[in-house]
Amino acid sequence: MLSALKPRLKALAARTLWAYGPEDLVKKLETCGVQPGTTLIVHSSWQQYNGFRGKPADLVRALKRSRDPRLAGHDLNALSQHEFSTMAGHGQAHECSP
């Protein structure tokens, strides 16, 4: 009985207590010291009950926007190494925990 209730409770918590959107993520990254020019290295997995209100692509766009607003609208796969290096520049590395 309890095992059947667990997924429902996780889903409820993800929609309410754990819920955050792209703008919330950008604000949290700013709080952690991420700013334009900062290098981000992201290791992640997508979980059903992670609380993010959006799609994986929305999360990637938020990460790009927090790093450099100019990168948010670009398909980084379409950029040459030189174009990406020019836009990305060099920055400081930061580690931030939730």
N, C-alpha and C. Protein backbone atom coordinates (compact mmCIF):
# COMPACT_ATOMS: atom_id res chain seq x y z
N MET A 1 0.82 -1.20 0.00
CA MET A 1 0.00 0.00 0.00
C MET A 1 0.87 1.27 0.00
N LEU A 2 1.86 1.32 0.87
CA LEU A 2 2.73 2.50 0.93
C LEU A 2 3.54 2.66 -0.35
N SER A 3 3.96 1.56 -0.95
CA SER A 3 4.74 1.64 -2.18
C SER A 3 3.92 2.25 -3.32
N ALA A 4 2.61 2.07 -3.30
CA ALA A 4 1.74 2.67 -4.31
C ALA A 4 1.56 4.16 -4.07
N LEU A 5 1.69 4.59 -2.84
CA LEU A 5 1.51 6.00 -2.48
C LEU A 5 2.77 6.83 -2.76
N LYS A 6 3.92 6.21 -2.72
CA LYS A 6 5.19 6.92 -2.89
C LYS A 6 5.28 7.73 -4.19
N PRO A 7 4.96 7.16 -5.36
CA PRO A 7 5.03 7.95 -6.59
C PRO A 7 4.08 9.14 -6.59
N ARG A 8 2.92 8.98 -5.99
CA ARG A 8 1.96 10.10 -5.92
C ARG A 8 2.48 11.22 -5.03
N LEU A 9 3.10 10.85 -3.92
CA LEU A 9 3.66 11.87 -3.03
C LEU A 9 4.84 12.59 -3.68
N LYS A 10 5.68 11.84 -4.40
CA LYS A 10 6.79 12.46 -5.11
C LYS A 10 6.29 13.43 -6.18
N ALA A 11 5.28 13.02 -6.92
CA ALA A 11 4.72 13.89 -7.96
C ALA A 11 4.14 15.16 -7.35
N LEU A 12 3.44 15.03 -6.24
CA LEU A 12 2.87 16.20 -5.56
C LEU A 12 3.97 17.13 -5.07
N ALA A 13 5.01 16.58 -4.47
CA ALA A 13 6.12 17.41 -3.99
C ALA A 13 6.82 18.10 -5.15
N ALA A 14 6.98 17.40 -6.27
CA ALA A 14 7.64 17.99 -7.44
C ALA A 14 6.82 19.14 -8.00
N ARG A 15 5.51 19.05 -7.95
CA ARG A 15 4.65 20.13 -8.48
C ARG A 15 4.52 21.30 -7.51
N THR A 16 4.83 21.09 -6.25
CA THR A 16 4.62 22.14 -5.25
C THR A 16 5.92 22.53 -4.54
N LEU A 17 6.36 21.71 -3.61
CA LEU A 17 7.52 22.04 -2.76
C LEU A 17 8.82 22.17 -3.55
N TRP A 18 9.05 21.28 -4.50
CA TRP A 18 10.31 21.26 -5.24
C TRP A 18 10.24 22.04 -6.54
N ALA A 19 9.10 22.61 -6.85
CA ALA A 19 8.89 23.24 -8.16
C ALA A 19 9.77 24.47 -8.35
N TYR A 20 10.38 24.55 -9.53
CA TYR A 20 11.16 25.72 -9.92
C TYR A 20 11.18 25.78 -11.44
N GLY A 21 11.32 26.96 -11.95
CA GLY A 21 11.33 27.16 -13.39
C GLY A 21 12.66 27.70 -13.87
N PRO A 22 12.74 27.99 -15.16
CA PRO A 22 13.98 28.50 -15.73
C PRO A 22 14.49 29.77 -15.05
N GLU A 23 13.60 30.71 -14.77
CA GLU A 23 14.02 31.96 -14.13
C GLU A 23 14.54 31.71 -12.71
N ASP A 24 13.90 30.78 -12.00
CA ASP A 24 14.37 30.42 -10.66
C ASP A 24 15.78 29.84 -10.72
N LEU A 25 16.04 29.03 -11.73
CA LEU A 25 17.36 28.44 -11.91
C LEU A 25 18.41 29.51 -12.18
N VAL A 26 18.08 30.46 -13.05
CA VAL A 26 19.02 31.55 -13.37
C VAL A 26 19.33 32.35 -12.11
N LYS A 27 18.30 32.66 -11.31
CA LYS A 27 18.52 33.42 -10.07
C LYS A 27 19.41 32.64 -9.10
N LYS A 28 19.18 31.33 -8.97
CA LYS A 28 20.00 30.51 -8.07
C LYS A 28 21.45 30.48 -8.53
N LEU A 29 21.65 30.36 -9.84
CA LEU A 29 23.01 30.37 -10.36
C LEU A 29 23.70 31.70 -10.10
N GLU A 30 22.96 32.80 -10.23
CA GLU A 30 23.52 34.13 -9.92
C GLU A 30 23.90 34.20 -8.44
N THR A 31 23.06 33.64 -7.57
CA THR A 31 23.34 33.61 -6.14
C THR A 31 24.62 32.84 -5.86
N CYS A 32 24.88 31.82 -6.66
CA CYS A 32 26.09 31.00 -6.49
C CYS A 32 27.32 31.65 -7.09
N GLY A 33 27.15 32.80 -7.75
CA GLY A 33 28.30 33.50 -8.30
C GLY A 33 28.46 33.34 -9.80
N VAL A 34 27.54 32.64 -10.45
CA VAL A 34 27.63 32.49 -11.91
C VAL A 34 27.20 33.79 -12.56
N GLN A 35 28.04 34.27 -13.43
CA GLN A 35 27.76 35.52 -14.14
C GLN A 35 28.34 35.40 -15.55
N PRO A 36 28.00 36.34 -16.43
CA PRO A 36 28.61 36.28 -17.76
C PRO A 36 30.13 36.18 -17.65
N GLY A 37 30.69 35.25 -18.38
CA GLY A 37 32.13 35.02 -18.32
C GLY A 37 32.51 33.83 -17.46
N THR A 38 31.55 33.30 -16.69
CA THR A 38 31.80 32.15 -15.83
C THR A 38 31.72 30.87 -16.66
N THR A 39 32.61 29.95 -16.39
CA THR A 39 32.58 28.64 -17.05
C THR A 39 31.67 27.71 -16.26
N LEU A 40 30.72 27.08 -16.94
CA LEU A 40 29.84 26.10 -16.31
C LEU A 40 30.17 24.72 -16.84
N ILE A 41 30.34 23.79 -15.94
CA ILE A 41 30.46 22.39 -16.30
C ILE A 41 29.30 21.69 -15.60
N VAL A 42 28.43 21.09 -16.37
CA VAL A 42 27.19 20.54 -15.82
C VAL A 42 27.16 19.03 -16.01
N HIS A 43 26.94 18.32 -14.94
CA HIS A 43 26.71 16.88 -14.97
C HIS A 43 25.29 16.69 -14.48
N SER A 44 24.43 16.13 -15.29
CA SER A 44 23.04 16.02 -14.87
C SER A 44 22.38 14.79 -15.45
N SER A 45 21.22 14.49 -14.92
CA SER A 45 20.32 13.49 -15.48
C SER A 45 18.91 14.05 -15.32
N TRP A 46 18.03 13.61 -16.16
CA TRP A 46 16.65 14.12 -16.12
C TRP A 46 15.80 13.11 -15.36
N GLN A 47 15.21 13.57 -14.28
CA GLN A 47 14.35 12.69 -13.48
C GLN A 47 12.92 13.18 -13.52
N GLN A 48 12.01 12.26 -13.49
CA GLN A 48 10.59 12.58 -13.58
C GLN A 48 10.14 13.52 -12.47
N TYR A 49 10.67 13.34 -11.28
CA TYR A 49 10.21 14.12 -10.13
C TYR A 49 11.24 15.16 -9.68
N ASN A 50 11.95 15.78 -10.60
CA ASN A 50 12.98 16.73 -10.21
C ASN A 50 12.43 18.10 -9.83
N GLY A 51 11.19 18.39 -10.17
CA GLY A 51 10.57 19.65 -9.80
C GLY A 51 10.72 20.76 -10.84
N PHE A 52 11.53 20.55 -11.87
CA PHE A 52 11.72 21.59 -12.88
C PHE A 52 10.46 21.73 -13.73
N ARG A 53 9.95 22.96 -13.81
CA ARG A 53 8.77 23.23 -14.63
C ARG A 53 9.24 23.62 -16.03
N GLY A 54 9.39 22.65 -16.85
CA GLY A 54 9.84 22.88 -18.21
C GLY A 54 10.43 21.61 -18.78
N LYS A 55 10.89 21.74 -19.99
CA LYS A 55 11.49 20.62 -20.71
C LYS A 55 13.01 20.69 -20.55
N PRO A 56 13.71 19.60 -20.88
CA PRO A 56 15.17 19.65 -20.82
C PRO A 56 15.76 20.81 -21.64
N ALA A 57 15.16 21.11 -22.78
CA ALA A 57 15.66 22.22 -23.60
C ALA A 57 15.51 23.56 -22.86
N ASP A 58 14.46 23.72 -22.05
CA ASP A 58 14.29 24.95 -21.26
C ASP A 58 15.40 25.07 -20.22
N LEU A 59 15.78 23.94 -19.64
CA LEU A 59 16.85 23.94 -18.66
C LEU A 59 18.17 24.34 -19.32
N VAL A 60 18.45 23.80 -20.49
CA VAL A 60 19.68 24.14 -21.21
C VAL A 60 19.70 25.62 -21.57
N ARG A 61 18.57 26.15 -22.03
CA ARG A 61 18.50 27.58 -22.36
C ARG A 61 18.75 28.45 -21.13
N ALA A 62 18.21 28.04 -19.98
CA ALA A 62 18.44 28.80 -18.74
C ALA A 62 19.92 28.77 -18.36
N LEU A 63 20.56 27.62 -18.51
CA LEU A 63 21.99 27.54 -18.22
C LEU A 63 22.78 28.45 -19.15
N LYS A 64 22.44 28.44 -20.43
CA LYS A 64 23.12 29.31 -21.38
C LYS A 64 22.91 30.77 -21.04
N ARG A 65 21.67 31.13 -20.70
CA ARG A 65 21.34 32.52 -20.38
C ARG A 65 22.09 32.99 -19.14
N SER A 66 22.24 32.10 -18.15
CA SER A 66 22.96 32.50 -16.93
C SER A 66 24.44 32.69 -17.23
N ARG A 67 24.95 31.95 -18.16
CA ARG A 67 26.37 32.00 -18.53
C ARG A 67 26.67 33.23 -19.38
N ASP A 68 25.83 33.44 -20.37
CA ASP A 68 26.02 34.57 -21.27
C ASP A 68 24.73 34.75 -22.06
N PRO A 69 24.02 35.85 -21.84
CA PRO A 69 22.74 36.07 -22.53
C PRO A 69 22.85 35.92 -24.05
N ARG A 70 24.03 36.17 -24.62
CA ARG A 70 24.18 36.03 -26.07
C ARG A 70 24.09 34.58 -26.52
N LEU A 71 24.38 33.62 -25.63
CA LEU A 71 24.37 32.21 -26.01
C LEU A 71 22.98 31.60 -25.99
N ALA A 72 22.02 32.25 -25.35
CA ALA A 72 20.70 31.66 -25.16
C ALA A 72 19.99 31.37 -26.46
N GLY A 73 20.17 32.17 -27.48
CA GLY A 73 19.45 31.95 -28.73
C GLY A 73 20.23 31.22 -29.79
N HIS A 74 21.42 30.73 -29.47
CA HIS A 74 22.26 30.10 -30.47
C HIS A 74 22.23 28.58 -30.36
N ASP A 75 22.32 27.94 -31.50
CA ASP A 75 22.53 26.50 -31.54
C ASP A 75 24.03 26.29 -31.48
N LEU A 76 24.53 25.91 -30.31
CA LEU A 76 25.97 25.79 -30.13
C LEU A 76 26.58 24.73 -31.03
N ASN A 77 25.79 23.75 -31.45
CA ASN A 77 26.31 22.73 -32.36
C ASN A 77 26.61 23.30 -33.73
N ALA A 78 25.94 24.41 -34.09
CA ALA A 78 26.13 25.01 -35.41
C ALA A 78 27.31 25.98 -35.43
N LEU A 79 27.84 26.34 -34.27
CA LEU A 79 28.96 27.27 -34.21
C LEU A 79 30.28 26.54 -34.44
N SER A 80 31.19 27.21 -35.11
CA SER A 80 32.54 26.65 -35.24
C SER A 80 33.24 26.78 -33.89
N GLN A 81 34.33 26.06 -33.72
CA GLN A 81 35.11 26.15 -32.48
C GLN A 81 35.56 27.59 -32.24
N HIS A 82 35.98 28.29 -33.28
CA HIS A 82 36.44 29.67 -33.14
C HIS A 82 35.28 30.58 -32.71
N GLU A 83 34.11 30.43 -33.36
CA GLU A 83 32.95 31.26 -33.00
C GLU A 83 32.56 31.03 -31.54
N PHE A 84 32.53 29.75 -31.13
CA PHE A 84 32.16 29.45 -29.75
C PHE A 84 33.18 30.01 -28.78
N SER A 85 34.45 29.82 -29.07
CA SER A 85 35.51 30.33 -28.19
C SER A 85 35.45 31.84 -28.08
N THR A 86 35.16 32.52 -29.19
CA THR A 86 35.06 33.97 -29.18
C THR A 86 33.90 34.43 -28.32
N MET A 87 32.74 33.75 -28.44
CA MET A 87 31.56 34.13 -27.66
C MET A 87 31.73 33.74 -26.20
N ALA A 88 32.30 32.56 -25.95
CA ALA A 88 32.37 32.05 -24.59
C ALA A 88 33.46 32.74 -23.78
N GLY A 89 34.56 33.08 -24.41
CA GLY A 89 35.64 33.73 -23.67
C GLY A 89 36.20 32.81 -22.61
N HIS A 90 36.85 33.38 -21.63
CA HIS A 90 37.42 32.61 -20.53
C HIS A 90 36.89 33.18 -19.25
N GLY A 91 36.58 32.30 -18.30
CA GLY A 91 36.02 32.78 -17.04
C GLY A 91 36.48 31.95 -15.86
N GLN A 92 35.88 32.23 -14.72
CA GLN A 92 36.22 31.51 -13.50
C GLN A 92 35.28 30.33 -13.33
N ALA A 93 35.77 29.28 -12.70
CA ALA A 93 34.93 28.13 -12.42
C ALA A 93 34.32 28.27 -11.02
N HIS A 94 33.07 27.88 -10.88
CA HIS A 94 32.36 27.92 -9.59
C HIS A 94 31.68 26.60 -9.36
N GLU A 95 31.60 26.19 -8.11
CA GLU A 95 30.83 25.01 -7.75
C GLU A 95 29.71 25.47 -6.85
N CYS A 96 28.51 25.02 -7.14
CA CYS A 96 27.36 25.45 -6.35
C CYS A 96 26.47 24.25 -6.08
N SER A 97 26.09 24.07 -4.86
CA SER A 97 25.18 22.99 -4.48
C SER A 97 23.80 23.59 -4.23
N PRO A 98 22.76 22.77 -4.43
CA PRO A 98 21.39 23.29 -4.22
C PRO A 98 21.13 23.74 -2.81
